[in-house]
Amino acid sequence: MKKTSSIKSLKSRDKNNKVVCRRDGKGKKRFYVINKDNPRMKAKQ
């Protein structure tokens, strides 16, 4: 999974990419790019 400073640019790499916001174990918000069809596109910020 890639760590990146720009989630917006990774969202446009594939048409199936989705940006979701989830909380980690410490309560911080993390943004993830997920792709069910091509898992290599996963990323987090």
Protein backbone atom coordinates (compact mmCIF):
# COMPACT_ATOMS: atom_id res chain seq x y z
CA MET A 1 0.00 0.00 0.00
CA LYS A 2 1.41 3.38 -1.00
CA LYS A 3 1.55 6.35 1.35
CA THR A 4 1.07 9.62 -0.46
CA SER A 5 0.59 13.32 0.05
CA SER A 6 -1.94 13.72 -2.75
CA ILE A 7 -4.98 11.45 -2.70
CA LYS A 8 -6.69 13.35 -5.51
CA SER A 9 -4.07 12.37 -8.08
CA LEU A 10 -4.32 8.69 -7.12
CA LYS A 11 -8.10 8.74 -7.43
CA SER A 12 -7.81 9.53 -11.14
CA ARG A 13 -5.43 6.64 -11.93
CA ASP A 14 -8.24 4.14 -12.41
CA LYS A 15 -11.99 4.49 -12.96
CA ASN A 16 -12.80 2.03 -10.15
CA ASN A 17 -10.83 3.88 -7.46
CA LYS A 18 -12.83 5.16 -4.50
CA VAL A 19 -11.67 7.49 -1.72
CA VAL A 20 -12.93 6.54 1.73
CA CYS A 21 -12.33 8.08 5.14
CA ARG A 22 -11.84 5.70 8.06
CA ARG A 23 -10.62 6.03 11.63
CA ASP A 24 -7.54 4.16 12.73
CA GLY A 25 -7.12 2.61 16.18
CA LYS A 26 -6.13 5.90 17.78
CA GLY A 27 -9.15 7.83 16.50
CA LYS A 28 -7.36 9.71 13.72
CA LYS A 29 -9.00 10.07 10.34
CA ARG A 30 -7.19 8.33 7.49
CA PHE A 31 -8.02 8.61 3.83
CA TYR A 32 -7.74 5.48 1.73
CA VAL A 33 -7.98 4.78 -1.98
CA ILE A 34 -9.56 1.37 -2.48
CA ASN A 35 -10.16 -0.62 -5.64
CA LYS A 36 -11.91 -3.99 -5.57
CA ASP A 37 -10.97 -4.91 -9.15
CA ASN A 38 -7.28 -3.98 -9.00
CA PRO A 39 -5.91 -4.16 -5.42
CA ARG A 40 -2.53 -2.79 -6.54
CA MET A 41 -4.10 0.68 -6.60
CA LYS A 42 -4.54 0.81 -2.81
CA ALA A 43 -3.13 3.88 -1.09
CA LYS A 44 -3.46 5.77 2.17
CA GLN A 45 -2.81 9.26 3.46
